[in-house]
Amino acid sequence: MLFFLTVRLKQINYSGENIGNDLSFRFDVNGHSTLLRSKITFGQSESFKQVLFQQILPEGSFTLPISVDITEEDPQFNDTGSGWMG
């Protein structure tokens, strides 16, 4: 049996220390990349309805690797960070 899987970003809670608020988030879900930009600042959250991944998959157990690279864009220095779920 097959099923249709959708992974959707619902919210970002940003707790990183930053000197600006021009952030870009590059999500990679099982090899599918999505770039989002946001003006979110320290201690804030922002809601999204962005689809990050959609695919028809066979029924059963599987691993879906998810990672994000975050860049705080600044005229003098771009600060970067990353995270993942596996």
PDB file of N, CA and C in Angstrom:
ATOM      1  N   MET A   1       0.839  -1.179   0.000  1.00  0.00           N
ATOM      2  CA  MET A   1       0.000   0.000   0.000  1.00  0.00           C
ATOM      3  C   MET A   1       0.889   1.250   0.000  1.00  0.00           C
ATOM      4  N   LEU A   2       0.468   2.273  -0.707  1.00  0.00           N
ATOM      5  CA  LEU A   2       1.197   3.530  -0.785  1.00  0.00           C
ATOM      6  C   LEU A   2       0.458   4.622  -0.011  1.00  0.00           C
ATOM      7  N   PHE A   3       1.185   5.622   0.451  1.00  0.00           N
ATOM      8  CA  PHE A   3       0.548   6.778   1.075  1.00  0.00           C
ATOM      9  C   PHE A   3       1.286   8.043   0.654  1.00  0.00           C
ATOM     10  N   PHE A   4       0.588   9.161   0.732  1.00  0.00           N
ATOM     11  CA  PHE A   4       1.129  10.450   0.323  1.00  0.00           C
ATOM     12  C   PHE A   4       1.594  11.187   1.572  1.00  0.00           C
ATOM     13  N   LEU A   5       2.882  11.464   1.672  1.00  0.00           N
ATOM     14  CA  LEU A   5       3.460  12.134   2.842  1.00  0.00           C
ATOM     15  C   LEU A   5       3.747  13.590   2.508  1.00  0.00           C
ATOM     16  N   THR A   6       3.296  14.493   3.372  1.00  0.00           N
ATOM     17  CA  THR A   6       3.599  15.915   3.254  1.00  0.00           C
ATOM     18  C   THR A   6       4.259  16.369   4.544  1.00  0.00           C
ATOM     19  N   VAL A   7       5.428  17.014   4.425  1.00  0.00           N
ATOM     20  CA  VAL A   7       6.107  17.629   5.566  1.00  0.00           C
ATOM     21  C   VAL A   7       5.965  19.132   5.383  1.00  0.00           C
ATOM     22  N   ARG A   8       5.360  19.776   6.376  1.00  0.00           N
ATOM     23  CA  ARG A   8       5.058  21.201   6.291  1.00  0.00           C
ATOM     24  C   ARG A   8       5.673  21.917   7.496  1.00  0.00           C
ATOM     25  N   LEU A   9       6.334  23.043   7.238  1.00  0.00           N
ATOM     26  CA  LEU A   9       6.872  23.878   8.313  1.00  0.00           C
ATOM     27  C   LEU A   9       5.742  24.706   8.900  1.00  0.00           C
ATOM     28  N   LYS A  10       5.526  24.583  10.205  1.00  0.00           N
ATOM     29  CA  LYS A  10       4.450  25.319  10.851  1.00  0.00           C
ATOM     30  C   LYS A  10       4.941  26.564  11.571  1.00  0.00           C
ATOM     31  N   GLN A  11       6.134  26.482  12.196  1.00  0.00           N
ATOM     32  CA  GLN A  11       6.592  27.623  12.986  1.00  0.00           C
ATOM     33  C   GLN A  11       8.099  27.563  13.193  1.00  0.00           C
ATOM     34  N   ILE A  12       8.712  28.752  13.267  1.00  0.00           N
ATOM     35  CA  ILE A  12      10.110  28.880  13.665  1.00  0.00           C
ATOM     36  C   ILE A  12      10.140  29.701  14.939  1.00  0.00           C
ATOM     37  N   ASN A  13      10.767  29.153  15.981  1.00  0.00           N
ATOM     38  CA  ASN A  13      11.031  29.873  17.225  1.00  0.00           C
ATOM     39  C   ASN A  13      12.526  30.163  17.226  1.00  0.00           C
ATOM     40  N   TYR A  14      12.882  31.435  17.162  1.00  0.00           N
ATOM     41  CA  TYR A  14      14.292  31.790  17.039  1.00  0.00           C
ATOM     42  C   TYR A  14      14.845  32.235  18.381  1.00  0.00           C
ATOM     43  N   SER A  15      15.863  31.509  18.871  1.00  0.00           N
ATOM     44  CA  SER A  15      16.452  31.837  20.164  1.00  0.00           C
ATOM     45  C   SER A  15      17.943  32.146  20.048  1.00  0.00           C
ATOM     46  N   GLY A  16      18.454  32.227  18.824  1.00  0.00           N
ATOM     47  CA  GLY A  16      19.869  32.540  18.630  1.00  0.00           C
ATOM     48  C   GLY A  16      20.160  34.003  18.898  1.00  0.00           C
ATOM     49  N   GLU A  17      21.368  34.264  19.333  1.00  0.00           N
ATOM     50  CA  GLU A  17      21.766  35.655  19.520  1.00  0.00           C
ATOM     51  C   GLU A  17      22.078  36.240  18.149  1.00  0.00           C
ATOM     52  N   ASN A  18      21.541  37.408  17.877  1.00  0.00           N
ATOM     53  CA  ASN A  18      21.775  37.985  16.564  1.00  0.00           C
ATOM     54  C   ASN A  18      22.006  39.484  16.653  1.00  0.00           C
ATOM     55  N   ILE A  19      22.629  40.000  15.616  1.00  0.00           N
ATOM     56  CA  ILE A  19      22.882  41.438  15.553  1.00  0.00           C
ATOM     57  C   ILE A  19      21.981  42.094  14.514  1.00  0.00           C
ATOM     58  N   GLY A  20      21.203  41.305  13.839  1.00  0.00           N
ATOM     59  CA  GLY A  20      20.272  41.797  12.829  1.00  0.00           C
ATOM     60  C   GLY A  20      19.091  40.858  12.734  1.00  0.00           C
ATOM     61  N   ASN A  21      18.244  41.084  11.736  1.00  0.00           N
ATOM     62  CA  ASN A  21      17.085  40.215  11.619  1.00  0.00           C
ATOM     63  C   ASN A  21      16.848  39.756  10.182  1.00  0.00           C
ATOM     64  N   ASP A  22      17.857  39.785   9.337  1.00  0.00           N
ATOM     65  CA  ASP A  22      17.733  39.302   7.966  1.00  0.00           C
ATOM     66  C   ASP A  22      18.222  37.860   7.914  1.00  0.00           C
ATOM     67  N   LEU A  23      17.316  36.936   8.156  1.00  0.00           N
ATOM     68  CA  LEU A  23      17.691  35.529   8.253  1.00  0.00           C
ATOM     69  C   LEU A  23      17.211  34.753   7.035  1.00  0.00           C
ATOM     70  N   SER A  24      18.016  33.786   6.614  1.00  0.00           N
ATOM     71  CA  SER A  24      17.570  32.834   5.604  1.00  0.00           C
ATOM     72  C   SER A  24      17.721  31.432   6.192  1.00  0.00           C
ATOM     73  N   PHE A  25      16.737  30.599   5.898  1.00  0.00           N
ATOM     74  CA  PHE A  25      16.687  29.223   6.381  1.00  0.00           C
ATOM     75  C   PHE A  25      16.641  28.311   5.157  1.00  0.00           C
ATOM     76  N   ARG A  26      17.647  27.449   5.000  1.00  0.00           N
ATOM     77  CA  ARG A  26      17.630  26.477   3.904  1.00  0.00           C
ATOM     78  C   ARG A  26      17.367  25.100   4.510  1.00  0.00           C
ATOM     79  N   PHE A  27      16.148  24.609   4.271  1.00  0.00           N
ATOM     80  CA  PHE A  27      15.734  23.305   4.777  1.00  0.00           C
ATOM     81  C   PHE A  27      16.035  22.241   3.733  1.00  0.00           C
ATOM     82  N   ASP A  28      16.568  21.121   4.169  1.00  0.00           N
ATOM     83  CA  ASP A  28      16.784  19.972   3.299  1.00  0.00           C
ATOM     84  C   ASP A  28      16.048  18.785   3.921  1.00  0.00           C
ATOM     85  N   VAL A  29      15.049  18.295   3.196  1.00  0.00           N
ATOM     86  CA  VAL A  29      14.283  17.146   3.660  1.00  0.00           C
ATOM     87  C   VAL A  29      14.460  16.042   2.625  1.00  0.00           C
ATOM     88  N   ASN A  30      15.231  15.048   2.993  1.00  0.00           N
ATOM     89  CA  ASN A  30      15.464  13.889   2.132  1.00  0.00           C
ATOM     90  C   ASN A  30      15.937  14.302   0.734  1.00  0.00           C
ATOM     91  N   GLY A  31      16.796  15.317   0.650  1.00  0.00           N
ATOM     92  CA  GLY A  31      17.352  15.758  -0.619  1.00  0.00           C
ATOM     93  C   GLY A  31      16.560  16.846  -1.331  1.00  0.00           C
ATOM     94  N   HIS A  32      15.414  17.243  -0.778  1.00  0.00           N
ATOM     95  CA  HIS A  32      14.609  18.323  -1.356  1.00  0.00           C
ATOM     96  C   HIS A  32      14.893  19.598  -0.572  1.00  0.00           C
ATOM     97  N   SER A  33      15.385  20.633  -1.251  1.00  0.00           N
ATOM     98  CA  SER A  33      15.821  21.866  -0.598  1.00  0.00           C
ATOM     99  C   SER A  33      14.794  22.981  -0.763  1.00  0.00           C
ATOM    100  N   THR A  34      14.562  23.735   0.318  1.00  0.00           N
ATOM    101  CA  THR A  34      13.642  24.878   0.314  1.00  0.00           C
ATOM    102  C   THR A  34      14.311  26.035   1.038  1.00  0.00           C
ATOM    103  N   LEU A  35      14.304  27.226   0.420  1.00  0.00           N
ATOM    104  CA  LEU A  35      14.886  28.420   1.024  1.00  0.00           C
ATOM    105  C   LEU A  35      13.769  29.362   1.472  1.00  0.00           C
ATOM    106  N   LEU A  36      13.828  29.799   2.738  1.00  0.00           N
ATOM    107  CA  LEU A  36      12.890  30.779   3.285  1.00  0.00           C
ATOM    108  C   LEU A  36      13.674  31.942   3.861  1.00  0.00           C
ATOM    109  N   ARG A  37      13.140  33.135   3.716  1.00  0.00           N
ATOM    110  CA  ARG A  37      13.738  34.325   4.327  1.00  0.00           C
ATOM    111  C   ARG A  37      12.757  34.898   5.332  1.00  0.00           C
ATOM    112  N   SER A  38      13.293  35.467   6.411  1.00  0.00           N
ATOM    113  CA  SER A  38      12.438  35.991   7.472  1.00  0.00           C
ATOM    114  C   SER A  38      13.130  37.162   8.162  1.00  0.00           C
ATOM    115  N   LYS A  39      12.339  38.041   8.731  1.00  0.00           N
ATOM    116  CA  LYS A  39      12.836  39.175   9.525  1.00  0.00           C
ATOM    117  C   LYS A  39      12.675  38.888  11.017  1.00  0.00           C
ATOM    118  N   ILE A  40      12.662  37.626  11.385  1.00  0.00           N
ATOM    119  CA  ILE A  40      12.472  37.226  12.778  1.00  0.00           C
ATOM    120  C   ILE A  40      13.697  37.637  13.609  1.00  0.00           C
ATOM    121  N   THR A  41      13.479  38.043  14.850  1.00  0.00           N
ATOM    122  CA  THR A  41      14.573  38.439  15.736  1.00  0.00           C
ATOM    123  C   THR A  41      14.583  37.571  16.989  1.00  0.00           C
ATOM    124  N   PHE A  42      15.613  37.734  17.791  1.00  0.00           N
ATOM    125  CA  PHE A  42      15.819  36.958  19.017  1.00  0.00           C
ATOM    126  C   PHE A  42      14.555  36.926  19.874  1.00  0.00           C
ATOM    127  N   GLY A  43      14.168  35.735  20.285  1.00  0.00           N
ATOM    128  CA  GLY A  43      13.034  35.557  21.185  1.00  0.00           C
ATOM    129  C   GLY A  43      11.675  35.579  20.504  1.00  0.00           C
ATOM    130  N   GLN A  44      11.624  35.752  19.186  1.00  0.00           N
ATOM    131  CA  GLN A  44      10.348  35.787  18.485  1.00  0.00           C
ATOM    132  C   GLN A  44      10.083  34.467  17.779  1.00  0.00           C
ATOM    133  N   SER A  45       8.835  34.306  17.341  1.00  0.00           N
ATOM    134  CA  SER A  45       8.475  33.162  16.518  1.00  0.00           C
ATOM    135  C   SER A  45       7.663  33.661  15.333  1.00  0.00           C
ATOM    136  N   GLU A  46       7.668  32.877  14.270  1.00  0.00           N
ATOM    137  CA  GLU A  46       6.913  33.227  13.075  1.00  0.00           C
ATOM    138  C   GLU A  46       6.231  31.968  12.555  1.00  0.00           C
ATOM    139  N   SER A  47       4.970  32.092  12.164  1.00  0.00           N
ATOM    140  CA  SER A  47       4.212  30.971  11.627  1.00  0.00           C
ATOM    141  C   SER A  47       4.379  30.881  10.117  1.00  0.00           C
ATOM    142  N   PHE A  48       4.376  29.648   9.616  1.00  0.00           N
ATOM    143  CA  PHE A  48       4.506  29.362   8.197  1.00  0.00           C
ATOM    144  C   PHE A  48       3.506  28.270   7.822  1.00  0.00           C
ATOM    145  N   LYS A  49       3.263  28.126   6.545  1.00  0.00           N
ATOM    146  CA  LYS A  49       2.502  27.002   6.004  1.00  0.00           C
ATOM    147  C   LYS A  49       3.252  26.413   4.815  1.00  0.00           C
ATOM    148  N   GLN A  50       4.569  26.496   4.856  1.00  0.00           N
ATOM    149  CA  GLN A  50       5.430  26.111   3.749  1.00  0.00           C
ATOM    150  C   GLN A  50       5.569  24.590   3.657  1.00  0.00           C
ATOM    151  N   VAL A  51       5.285  24.029   2.492  1.00  0.00           N
ATOM    152  CA  VAL A  51       5.510  22.613   2.251  1.00  0.00           C
ATOM    153  C   VAL A  51       6.999  22.422   1.971  1.00  0.00           C
ATOM    154  N   LEU A  52       7.635  21.552   2.753  1.00  0.00           N
ATOM    155  CA  LEU A  52       9.059  21.276   2.597  1.00  0.00           C
ATOM    156  C   LEU A  52       9.316  19.991   1.808  1.00  0.00           C
ATOM    157  N   PHE A  53       8.325  19.088   1.794  1.00  0.00           N
ATOM    158  CA  PHE A  53       8.525  17.786   1.153  1.00  0.00           C
ATOM    159  C   PHE A  53       7.173  17.149   0.892  1.00  0.00           C
ATOM    160  N   GLN A  54       7.011  16.574  -0.289  1.00  0.00           N
ATOM    161  CA  GLN A  54       5.831  15.779  -0.620  1.00  0.00           C
ATOM    162  C   GLN A  54       6.275  14.612  -1.481  1.00  0.00           C
ATOM    163  N   GLN A  55       5.782  13.429  -1.135  1.00  0.00           N
ATOM    164  CA  GLN A  55       6.158  12.273  -1.933  1.00  0.00           C
ATOM    165  C   GLN A  55       5.217  11.113  -1.616  1.00  0.00           C
ATOM    166  N   ILE A  56       4.979  10.271  -2.602  1.00  0.00           N
ATOM    167  CA  ILE A  56       4.230   9.033  -2.391  1.00  0.00           C
ATOM    168  C   ILE A  56       5.248   7.985  -1.967  1.00  0.00           C
ATOM    169  N   LEU A  57       4.970   7.346  -0.835  1.00  0.00           N
ATOM    170  CA  LEU A  57       5.905   6.384  -0.259  1.00  0.00           C
ATOM    171  C   LEU A  57       5.197   5.073   0.039  1.00  0.00           C
ATOM    172  N   PRO A  58       5.943   3.978   0.060  1.00  0.00           N
ATOM    173  CA  PRO A  58       5.345   2.701   0.439  1.00  0.00           C
ATOM    174  C   PRO A  58       5.095   2.658   1.945  1.00  0.00           C
ATOM    175  N   GLU A  59       4.070   1.922   2.335  1.00  0.00           N
ATOM    176  CA  GLU A  59       3.762   1.774   3.750  1.00  0.00           C
ATOM    177  C   GLU A  59       4.915   1.063   4.447  1.00  0.00           C
ATOM    178  N   GLY A  60       5.184   1.472   5.669  1.00  0.00           N
ATOM    179  CA  GLY A  60       6.251   0.854   6.438  1.00  0.00           C
ATOM    180  C   GLY A  60       7.086   1.887   7.145  1.00  0.00           C
ATOM    181  N   SER A  61       8.142   1.433   7.729  1.00  0.00           N
ATOM    182  CA  SER A  61       9.030   2.292   8.501  1.00  0.00           C
ATOM    183  C   SER A  61      10.142   2.825   7.598  1.00  0.00           C
ATOM    184  N   PHE A  62      10.491   4.096   7.781  1.00  0.00           N
ATOM    185  CA  PHE A  62      11.572   4.692   7.010  1.00  0.00           C
ATOM    186  C   PHE A  62      12.166   5.842   7.804  1.00  0.00           C
ATOM    187  N   THR A  63      13.348   6.282   7.397  1.00  0.00           N
ATOM    188  CA  THR A  63      14.016   7.424   8.004  1.00  0.00           C
ATOM    189  C   THR A  63      13.948   8.590   7.039  1.00  0.00           C
ATOM    190  N   LEU A  64      13.572   9.738   7.563  1.00  0.00           N
ATOM    191  CA  LEU A  64      13.457  10.945   6.749  1.00  0.00           C
ATOM    192  C   LEU A  64      14.386  12.007   7.333  1.00  0.00           C
ATOM    193  N   PRO A  65      15.614  12.135   6.810  1.00  0.00           N
ATOM    194  CA  PRO A  65      16.543  13.116   7.361  1.00  0.00           C
ATOM    195  C   PRO A  65      16.096  14.546   7.046  1.00  0.00           C
ATOM    196  N   ILE A  66      16.157  15.406   8.065  1.00  0.00           N
ATOM    197  CA  ILE A  66      15.778  16.810   7.926  1.00  0.00           C
ATOM    198  C   ILE A  66      16.901  17.654   8.514  1.00  0.00           C
ATOM    199  N   SER A  67      17.388  18.640   7.729  1.00  0.00           N
ATOM    200  CA  SER A  67      18.409  19.540   8.239  1.00  0.00           C
ATOM    201  C   SER A  67      18.054  20.964   7.839  1.00  0.00           C
ATOM    202  N   VAL A  68      18.643  21.914   8.560  1.00  0.00           N
ATOM    203  CA  VAL A  68      18.442  23.330   8.235  1.00  0.00           C
ATOM    204  C   VAL A  68      19.754  24.071   8.422  1.00  0.00           C
ATOM    205  N   ASP A  69      20.082  24.915   7.435  1.00  0.00           N
ATOM    206  CA  ASP A  69      21.217  25.824   7.533  1.00  0.00           C
ATOM    207  C   ASP A  69      20.645  27.232   7.660  1.00  0.00           C
ATOM    208  N   ILE A  70      21.105  27.963   8.653  1.00  0.00           N
ATOM    209  CA  ILE A  70      20.585  29.297   8.948  1.00  0.00           C
ATOM    210  C   ILE A  70      21.698  30.311   8.716  1.00  0.00           C
ATOM    211  N   THR A  71      21.380  31.360   7.981  1.00  0.00           N
ATOM    212  CA  THR A  71      22.346  32.428   7.737  1.00  0.00           C
ATOM    213  C   THR A  71      21.737  33.753   8.144  1.00  0.00           C
ATOM    214  N   GLU A  72      22.448  34.470   8.992  1.00  0.00           N
ATOM    215  CA  GLU A  72      22.063  35.826   9.351  1.00  0.00           C
ATOM    216  C   GLU A  72      22.883  36.749   8.459  1.00  0.00           C
ATOM    217  N   GLU A  73      22.207  37.418   7.535  1.00  0.00           N
ATOM    218  CA  GLU A  73      22.901  38.236   6.547  1.00  0.00           C
ATOM    219  C   GLU A  73      23.164  39.622   7.114  1.00  0.00           C
ATOM    220  N   ASP A  74      24.417  40.039   6.995  1.00  0.00           N
ATOM    221  CA  ASP A  74      24.846  41.318   7.532  1.00  0.00           C
ATOM    222  C   ASP A  74      25.849  41.929   6.545  1.00  0.00           C
ATOM    223  N   PRO A  75      25.838  43.232   6.347  1.00  0.00           N
ATOM    224  CA  PRO A  75      26.775  43.846   5.394  1.00  0.00           C
ATOM    225  C   PRO A  75      28.250  43.577   5.717  1.00  0.00           C
ATOM    226  N   GLN A  76      28.577  43.361   6.993  1.00  0.00           N
ATOM    227  CA  GLN A  76      29.977  43.164   7.359  1.00  0.00           C
ATOM    228  C   GLN A  76      30.342  41.698   7.574  1.00  0.00           C
ATOM    229  N   PHE A  77      29.392  40.886   8.091  1.00  0.00           N
ATOM    230  CA  PHE A  77      29.718  39.507   8.419  1.00  0.00           C
ATOM    231  C   PHE A  77      28.441  38.677   8.404  1.00  0.00           C
ATOM    232  N   ASN A  78      28.396  37.611   7.602  1.00  0.00           N
ATOM    233  CA  ASN A  78      27.278  36.673   7.597  1.00  0.00           C
ATOM    234  C   ASN A  78      27.548  35.586   8.628  1.00  0.00           C
ATOM    235  N   ASP A  79      26.674  35.466   9.614  1.00  0.00           N
ATOM    236  CA  ASP A  79      26.787  34.454  10.660  1.00  0.00           C
ATOM    237  C   ASP A  79      25.971  33.239  10.237  1.00  0.00           C
ATOM    238  N   THR A  80      26.486  32.042  10.458  1.00  0.00           N
ATOM    239  CA  THR A  80      25.777  30.840  10.028  1.00  0.00           C
ATOM    240  C   THR A  80      25.619  29.862  11.183  1.00  0.00           C
ATOM    241  N   GLY A  81      24.638  28.981  11.051  1.00  0.00           N
ATOM    242  CA  GLY A  81      24.391  27.915  12.006  1.00  0.00           C
ATOM    243  C   GLY A  81      23.643  26.797  11.307  1.00  0.00           C
ATOM    244  N   SER A  82      23.482  25.672  11.957  1.00  0.00           N
ATOM    245  CA  SER A  82      22.768  24.564  11.346  1.00  0.00           C
ATOM    246  C   SER A  82      22.190  23.664  12.419  1.00  0.00           C
ATOM    247  N   GLY A  83      21.295  22.793  11.998  1.00  0.00           N
ATOM    248  CA  GLY A  83      20.686  21.811  12.878  1.00  0.00           C
ATOM    249  C   GLY A  83      20.123  20.683  12.040  1.00  0.00           C
ATOM    250  N   TRP A  84      19.792  19.558  12.669  1.00  0.00           N
ATOM    251  CA  TRP A  84      19.244  18.427  11.931  1.00  0.00           C
ATOM    252  C   TRP A  84      18.410  17.540  12.845  1.00  0.00           C
ATOM    253  N   MET A  85      17.539  16.787  12.213  1.00  0.00           N
ATOM    254  CA  MET A  85      16.769  15.723  12.870  1.00  0.00           C
ATOM    255  C   MET A  85      16.943  14.493  11.999  1.00  0.00           C
ATOM    256  N   GLY A  86      17.122  13.352  12.597  1.00  0.00           N
ATOM    257  CA  GLY A  86      17.356  12.177  11.764  1.00  0.00           C
ATOM    258  C   GLY A  86      16.553  11.019  12.095  1.00  0.00           C
TER     259      GLY A  86
END
